[in-house]
Amino acid sequence: MTDLTMRVTWVDVRDGVPPDGIPVAAAITGRYRAEGAGPGDRSGEAFWLVMPMHFASLHFGEDETEHRNCFVDSDGVVRLPHGLASGPASDETVTHWALLPTLPGQRTRSLLGEDVQPALQRAWDART
């Protein structure tokens, strides 16, 4: 069986940021927007959660706004490292980041094209 145990090392953004373009797990803090009362409504409640993001030393938003040294999620939402002024970015900030784990049975975090299916099959076969 493939060992799927992993250890995460979190880095405080005040101690440094990842290299440009690196995908990471990012710990984000902020508050839910006020949306109206209803079952399970969390309006105004503080949160701290983990999301996959990548770090960008320079990023241009959909509206052409320039952002420097920021984290960007898959929807293009920009979040700054905690402690930096919130300019045009979200009021949510990144407090910590961690490198993503490698793919099961691999030494890399991503595979593309023709390499995907054989690696995926090897990982599934290792389970039996």
N, C-alpha and C. Protein backbone atom coordinates (compact mmCIF):
# COMPACT_ATOMS: atom_id res chain seq x y z
N MET A 1 0.85 -1.18 0.00
CA MET A 1 0.00 0.00 0.00
C MET A 1 0.89 1.24 0.00
N THR A 2 0.51 2.26 -0.75
CA THR A 2 1.24 3.51 -0.79
C THR A 2 1.02 4.27 0.51
N ASP A 3 2.09 4.77 1.10
CA ASP A 3 1.98 5.56 2.33
C ASP A 3 1.45 6.94 1.97
N LEU A 4 0.26 7.26 2.43
CA LEU A 4 -0.37 8.56 2.11
C LEU A 4 -0.25 9.55 3.26
N THR A 5 0.58 9.23 4.25
CA THR A 5 0.80 10.14 5.37
C THR A 5 1.67 11.30 4.92
N MET A 6 1.33 12.50 5.38
CA MET A 6 2.15 13.66 5.04
C MET A 6 2.26 14.58 6.24
N ARG A 7 3.27 15.40 6.20
CA ARG A 7 3.49 16.39 7.26
C ARG A 7 3.47 17.76 6.59
N VAL A 8 2.77 18.68 7.19
CA VAL A 8 2.67 20.04 6.66
C VAL A 8 3.51 20.98 7.51
N THR A 9 4.31 21.79 6.86
CA THR A 9 5.08 22.82 7.56
C THR A 9 4.52 24.18 7.14
N TRP A 10 3.89 24.85 8.07
CA TRP A 10 3.30 26.16 7.80
C TRP A 10 4.36 27.24 7.98
N VAL A 11 4.35 28.22 7.09
CA VAL A 11 5.26 29.36 7.17
C VAL A 11 4.43 30.61 7.44
N ASP A 12 4.76 31.35 8.46
CA ASP A 12 4.11 32.62 8.77
C ASP A 12 4.50 33.62 7.68
N VAL A 13 3.52 34.30 7.07
CA VAL A 13 3.84 35.23 5.97
C VAL A 13 4.74 36.37 6.45
N ARG A 14 4.76 36.63 7.76
CA ARG A 14 5.65 37.68 8.27
C ARG A 14 7.11 37.23 8.20
N ASP A 15 7.32 35.91 8.06
CA ASP A 15 8.67 35.36 7.95
C ASP A 15 9.10 35.14 6.51
N GLY A 16 8.19 35.29 5.57
CA GLY A 16 8.54 35.13 4.17
C GLY A 16 7.39 34.60 3.35
N VAL A 17 7.52 34.72 2.05
CA VAL A 17 6.50 34.26 1.11
C VAL A 17 7.12 33.22 0.17
N PRO A 18 6.30 32.44 -0.49
CA PRO A 18 6.84 31.42 -1.39
C PRO A 18 7.42 32.04 -2.66
N PRO A 19 8.17 31.26 -3.42
CA PRO A 19 8.67 31.77 -4.71
C PRO A 19 7.51 32.08 -5.66
N ASP A 20 7.75 32.96 -6.58
CA ASP A 20 6.76 33.39 -7.57
C ASP A 20 6.20 32.20 -8.34
N GLY A 21 4.88 32.14 -8.43
CA GLY A 21 4.20 31.13 -9.23
C GLY A 21 3.98 29.79 -8.56
N ILE A 22 4.45 29.64 -7.34
CA ILE A 22 4.35 28.35 -6.65
C ILE A 22 2.94 28.15 -6.10
N PRO A 23 2.30 26.99 -6.40
CA PRO A 23 1.01 26.70 -5.78
C PRO A 23 1.21 26.29 -4.32
N VAL A 24 0.36 26.80 -3.47
CA VAL A 24 0.49 26.55 -2.03
C VAL A 24 -0.89 26.35 -1.41
N ALA A 25 -0.89 25.83 -0.19
CA ALA A 25 -2.06 25.87 0.67
C ALA A 25 -1.92 27.17 1.46
N ALA A 26 -2.96 27.99 1.46
CA ALA A 26 -2.90 29.29 2.14
C ALA A 26 -3.95 29.34 3.25
N ALA A 27 -3.54 29.76 4.44
CA ALA A 27 -4.47 29.97 5.55
C ALA A 27 -4.94 31.42 5.46
N ILE A 28 -6.25 31.59 5.30
CA ILE A 28 -6.85 32.90 5.06
C ILE A 28 -7.73 33.28 6.22
N THR A 29 -7.66 34.55 6.62
CA THR A 29 -8.56 35.04 7.67
C THR A 29 -9.35 36.24 7.15
N GLY A 30 -10.54 36.41 7.69
CA GLY A 30 -11.41 37.52 7.28
C GLY A 30 -12.74 37.40 8.01
N ARG A 31 -13.75 38.07 7.46
CA ARG A 31 -15.10 38.00 8.02
C ARG A 31 -16.08 37.75 6.88
N TYR A 32 -17.10 36.93 7.18
CA TYR A 32 -18.15 36.72 6.20
C TYR A 32 -18.89 38.04 5.98
N ARG A 33 -19.29 38.28 4.74
CA ARG A 33 -20.05 39.49 4.42
C ARG A 33 -21.45 39.41 5.03
N ALA A 34 -22.02 40.58 5.31
CA ALA A 34 -23.39 40.64 5.81
C ALA A 34 -24.32 40.38 4.63
N GLU A 35 -25.09 39.30 4.69
CA GLU A 35 -25.93 38.94 3.57
C GLU A 35 -27.39 38.81 3.94
N GLY A 36 -27.72 38.81 5.20
CA GLY A 36 -29.11 38.64 5.60
C GLY A 36 -29.27 37.41 6.46
N ALA A 37 -30.25 37.45 7.32
CA ALA A 37 -30.46 36.36 8.26
C ALA A 37 -31.14 35.19 7.57
N GLY A 38 -30.75 34.03 7.97
CA GLY A 38 -31.33 32.80 7.45
C GLY A 38 -30.70 31.63 8.17
N PRO A 39 -31.19 30.44 7.92
CA PRO A 39 -30.60 29.26 8.57
C PRO A 39 -29.11 29.15 8.24
N GLY A 40 -28.30 29.00 9.27
CA GLY A 40 -26.86 28.86 9.06
C GLY A 40 -26.15 30.14 8.66
N ASP A 41 -26.81 31.27 8.78
CA ASP A 41 -26.22 32.55 8.39
C ASP A 41 -24.98 32.83 9.24
N ARG A 42 -23.90 33.20 8.60
CA ARG A 42 -22.64 33.49 9.28
C ARG A 42 -22.24 34.96 9.10
N SER A 43 -23.16 35.81 8.74
CA SER A 43 -22.87 37.22 8.47
C SER A 43 -22.03 37.85 9.58
N GLY A 44 -20.93 38.45 9.18
CA GLY A 44 -20.06 39.16 10.12
C GLY A 44 -19.16 38.27 10.95
N GLU A 45 -19.32 36.95 10.87
CA GLU A 45 -18.52 36.03 11.68
C GLU A 45 -17.10 35.92 11.11
N ALA A 46 -16.12 35.92 12.01
CA ALA A 46 -14.73 35.77 11.60
C ALA A 46 -14.47 34.33 11.15
N PHE A 47 -13.54 34.16 10.21
CA PHE A 47 -13.15 32.83 9.78
C PHE A 47 -11.65 32.77 9.57
N TRP A 48 -11.14 31.55 9.58
CA TRP A 48 -9.75 31.24 9.26
C TRP A 48 -9.81 29.89 8.59
N LEU A 49 -9.46 29.80 7.33
CA LEU A 49 -9.59 28.56 6.58
C LEU A 49 -8.44 28.38 5.60
N VAL A 50 -8.33 27.17 5.06
CA VAL A 50 -7.25 26.84 4.13
C VAL A 50 -7.82 26.73 2.72
N MET A 51 -7.11 27.32 1.75
CA MET A 51 -7.48 27.26 0.34
C MET A 51 -6.24 27.05 -0.51
N PRO A 52 -6.40 26.39 -1.65
CA PRO A 52 -5.27 26.32 -2.58
C PRO A 52 -5.14 27.66 -3.32
N MET A 53 -3.93 28.14 -3.42
CA MET A 53 -3.67 29.42 -4.11
C MET A 53 -2.29 29.34 -4.75
N HIS A 54 -1.91 30.38 -5.47
CA HIS A 54 -0.52 30.50 -5.90
C HIS A 54 -0.05 31.90 -5.55
N PHE A 55 1.26 32.04 -5.38
CA PHE A 55 1.84 33.32 -5.03
C PHE A 55 2.30 34.01 -6.31
N ALA A 56 2.09 35.31 -6.39
CA ALA A 56 2.50 36.08 -7.56
C ALA A 56 3.23 37.35 -7.11
N SER A 57 4.43 37.54 -7.62
CA SER A 57 5.13 38.79 -7.32
C SER A 57 4.49 39.95 -8.09
N LEU A 58 3.85 39.63 -9.22
CA LEU A 58 3.11 40.62 -10.00
C LEU A 58 1.90 39.93 -10.62
N HIS A 59 0.72 40.48 -10.40
CA HIS A 59 -0.52 39.89 -10.93
C HIS A 59 -1.43 41.02 -11.40
N PHE A 60 -2.01 40.86 -12.57
CA PHE A 60 -2.98 41.81 -13.08
C PHE A 60 -4.37 41.18 -12.99
N GLY A 61 -5.27 41.84 -12.25
CA GLY A 61 -6.63 41.34 -12.10
C GLY A 61 -7.41 41.48 -13.38
N GLU A 62 -8.62 40.91 -13.39
CA GLU A 62 -9.48 40.99 -14.58
C GLU A 62 -9.78 42.44 -14.96
N ASP A 63 -9.78 43.33 -13.99
CA ASP A 63 -10.04 44.75 -14.26
C ASP A 63 -8.74 45.50 -14.55
N GLU A 64 -7.64 44.75 -14.77
CA GLU A 64 -6.31 45.31 -15.07
C GLU A 64 -5.63 45.96 -13.87
N THR A 65 -6.20 45.81 -12.67
CA THR A 65 -5.55 46.32 -11.48
C THR A 65 -4.26 45.55 -11.23
N GLU A 66 -3.19 46.27 -10.95
CA GLU A 66 -1.90 45.64 -10.69
C GLU A 66 -1.76 45.32 -9.21
N HIS A 67 -1.38 44.09 -8.92
CA HIS A 67 -1.15 43.64 -7.55
C HIS A 67 0.26 43.10 -7.46
N ARG A 68 0.95 43.41 -6.38
CA ARG A 68 2.31 42.91 -6.17
C ARG A 68 2.36 42.08 -4.88
N ASN A 69 3.17 41.02 -4.92
CA ASN A 69 3.37 40.16 -3.76
C ASN A 69 2.05 39.76 -3.12
N CYS A 70 1.27 38.98 -3.89
CA CYS A 70 -0.06 38.60 -3.46
C CYS A 70 -0.30 37.12 -3.69
N PHE A 71 -1.35 36.62 -3.09
CA PHE A 71 -1.81 35.26 -3.31
C PHE A 71 -3.07 35.33 -4.14
N VAL A 72 -3.22 34.42 -5.10
CA VAL A 72 -4.36 34.43 -6.02
C VAL A 72 -5.00 33.05 -6.03
N ASP A 73 -6.34 33.01 -5.88
CA ASP A 73 -7.01 31.71 -5.91
C ASP A 73 -7.46 31.39 -7.34
N SER A 74 -8.09 30.23 -7.51
CA SER A 74 -8.46 29.78 -8.85
C SER A 74 -9.54 30.64 -9.49
N ASP A 75 -10.27 31.43 -8.69
CA ASP A 75 -11.27 32.35 -9.22
C ASP A 75 -10.69 33.72 -9.51
N GLY A 76 -9.39 33.89 -9.29
CA GLY A 76 -8.74 35.17 -9.53
C GLY A 76 -8.86 36.16 -8.39
N VAL A 77 -9.38 35.71 -7.23
CA VAL A 77 -9.49 36.59 -6.07
C VAL A 77 -8.09 36.78 -5.48
N VAL A 78 -7.73 38.03 -5.26
CA VAL A 78 -6.40 38.39 -4.75
C VAL A 78 -6.48 38.61 -3.25
N ARG A 79 -5.53 38.02 -2.55
CA ARG A 79 -5.43 38.23 -1.10
C ARG A 79 -3.98 38.57 -0.78
N LEU A 80 -3.80 39.58 0.05
CA LEU A 80 -2.46 40.03 0.42
C LEU A 80 -1.97 39.29 1.65
N PRO A 81 -0.66 39.22 1.82
CA PRO A 81 -0.12 38.66 3.07
C PRO A 81 -0.59 39.52 4.25
N HIS A 82 -0.95 38.88 5.35
CA HIS A 82 -1.45 39.57 6.54
C HIS A 82 -0.43 40.61 7.00
N GLY A 83 -0.92 41.80 7.32
CA GLY A 83 -0.05 42.86 7.79
C GLY A 83 0.25 43.90 6.72
N LEU A 84 -0.01 43.57 5.45
CA LEU A 84 0.15 44.57 4.39
C LEU A 84 -1.15 45.34 4.25
N ALA A 85 -1.05 46.58 3.82
CA ALA A 85 -2.25 47.40 3.64
C ALA A 85 -3.19 46.73 2.64
N SER A 86 -4.50 46.75 2.92
CA SER A 86 -5.47 46.21 1.97
C SER A 86 -5.78 47.26 0.93
N GLY A 87 -5.16 47.26 -0.16
CA GLY A 87 -5.50 48.18 -1.24
C GLY A 87 -6.72 47.67 -1.95
N PRO A 88 -6.61 47.49 -3.25
CA PRO A 88 -7.75 47.02 -4.03
C PRO A 88 -8.03 45.53 -3.81
N ALA A 89 -7.17 44.86 -3.07
CA ALA A 89 -7.38 43.42 -2.83
C ALA A 89 -8.48 43.21 -1.80
N SER A 90 -8.82 41.97 -1.57
CA SER A 90 -9.85 41.58 -0.62
C SER A 90 -9.47 41.98 0.80
N ASP A 91 -10.48 42.12 1.67
CA ASP A 91 -10.22 42.35 3.10
C ASP A 91 -9.73 41.09 3.77
N GLU A 92 -9.82 39.97 3.07
CA GLU A 92 -9.30 38.71 3.58
C GLU A 92 -7.80 38.68 3.34
N THR A 93 -7.05 38.19 4.31
CA THR A 93 -5.59 38.15 4.16
C THR A 93 -5.06 36.74 4.41
N VAL A 94 -3.87 36.48 3.91
CA VAL A 94 -3.21 35.20 4.11
C VAL A 94 -2.29 35.33 5.31
N THR A 95 -2.46 34.44 6.28
CA THR A 95 -1.64 34.48 7.49
C THR A 95 -0.45 33.53 7.42
N HIS A 96 -0.64 32.38 6.77
CA HIS A 96 0.38 31.35 6.67
C HIS A 96 0.27 30.65 5.32
N TRP A 97 1.32 29.99 4.91
CA TRP A 97 1.28 29.20 3.68
C TRP A 97 2.11 27.94 3.87
N ALA A 98 1.82 26.93 3.06
CA ALA A 98 2.55 25.67 3.09
C ALA A 98 2.63 25.12 1.67
N LEU A 99 3.74 24.49 1.36
CA LEU A 99 3.85 23.83 0.07
C LEU A 99 2.82 22.73 -0.02
N LEU A 100 2.27 22.52 -1.19
CA LEU A 100 1.33 21.43 -1.39
C LEU A 100 2.09 20.11 -1.34
N PRO A 101 1.43 19.03 -0.93
CA PRO A 101 2.12 17.74 -0.91
C PRO A 101 2.38 17.25 -2.33
N THR A 102 3.28 16.29 -2.46
CA THR A 102 3.51 15.68 -3.76
C THR A 102 2.34 14.75 -4.07
N LEU A 103 2.20 14.43 -5.32
CA LEU A 103 1.16 13.49 -5.74
C LEU A 103 1.46 12.11 -5.15
N PRO A 104 0.43 11.30 -4.89
CA PRO A 104 0.65 9.98 -4.30
C PRO A 104 1.65 9.15 -5.12
N GLY A 105 2.69 8.67 -4.45
CA GLY A 105 3.70 7.85 -5.10
C GLY A 105 4.63 8.60 -6.03
N GLN A 106 4.60 9.93 -5.98
CA GLN A 106 5.42 10.75 -6.88
C GLN A 106 6.35 11.65 -6.08
N ARG A 107 7.27 12.28 -6.78
CA ARG A 107 8.15 13.28 -6.15
C ARG A 107 7.85 14.67 -6.68
N THR A 108 6.73 14.82 -7.35
CA THR A 108 6.34 16.09 -7.94
C THR A 108 4.93 16.47 -7.50
N ARG A 109 4.59 17.72 -7.63
CA ARG A 109 3.28 18.22 -7.23
C ARG A 109 2.32 18.32 -8.42
N SER A 110 2.83 18.12 -9.63
CA SER A 110 1.95 18.19 -10.80
C SER A 110 2.51 17.34 -11.93
N LEU A 111 1.61 16.80 -12.69
CA LEU A 111 1.95 16.07 -13.91
C LEU A 111 1.01 16.54 -15.01
N LEU A 112 1.50 16.54 -16.22
CA LEU A 112 0.68 17.00 -17.34
C LEU A 112 0.76 16.01 -18.50
N GLY A 113 -0.26 16.04 -19.32
CA GLY A 113 -0.25 15.30 -20.57
C GLY A 113 -0.14 13.79 -20.42
N GLU A 114 0.75 13.20 -21.21
CA GLU A 114 0.89 11.75 -21.30
C GLU A 114 1.40 11.12 -20.01
N ASP A 115 1.98 11.89 -19.12
CA ASP A 115 2.50 11.35 -17.86
C ASP A 115 1.42 11.08 -16.82
N VAL A 116 0.23 11.66 -17.00
CA VAL A 116 -0.81 11.58 -15.98
C VAL A 116 -1.36 10.16 -15.81
N GLN A 117 -1.87 9.56 -16.86
CA GLN A 117 -2.54 8.27 -16.74
C GLN A 117 -1.63 7.16 -16.21
N PRO A 118 -0.38 7.01 -16.71
CA PRO A 118 0.48 5.95 -16.14
C PRO A 118 0.77 6.17 -14.65
N ALA A 119 1.01 7.42 -14.24
CA ALA A 119 1.30 7.70 -12.82
C ALA A 119 0.07 7.44 -11.97
N LEU A 120 -1.09 7.84 -12.45
CA LEU A 120 -2.33 7.61 -11.72
C LEU A 120 -2.59 6.11 -11.58
N GLN A 121 -2.37 5.36 -12.65
CA GLN A 121 -2.58 3.91 -12.60
C GLN A 121 -1.62 3.25 -11.61
N ARG A 122 -0.35 3.68 -11.59
CA ARG A 122 0.62 3.14 -10.63
C ARG A 122 0.18 3.41 -9.19
N ALA A 123 -0.35 4.61 -8.93
CA ALA A 123 -0.81 4.94 -7.59
C ALA A 123 -2.00 4.08 -7.20
N TRP A 124 -2.93 3.87 -8.13
CA TRP A 124 -4.08 3.01 -7.83
C TRP A 124 -3.65 1.56 -7.64
N ASP A 125 -2.72 1.09 -8.47
CA ASP A 125 -2.25 -0.30 -8.37
C ASP A 125 -1.51 -0.54 -7.06
N ALA A 126 -0.84 0.46 -6.54
CA ALA A 126 -0.07 0.33 -5.30
C ALA A 126 -0.99 0.05 -4.12
N ARG A 127 -2.26 0.39 -4.24
CA ARG A 127 -3.23 0.20 -3.17
C ARG A 127 -3.59 -1.26 -2.98
N THR A 128 -3.50 -2.04 -4.03
CA THR A 128 -3.97 -3.43 -3.95
C THR A 128 -2.93 -4.35 -3.35
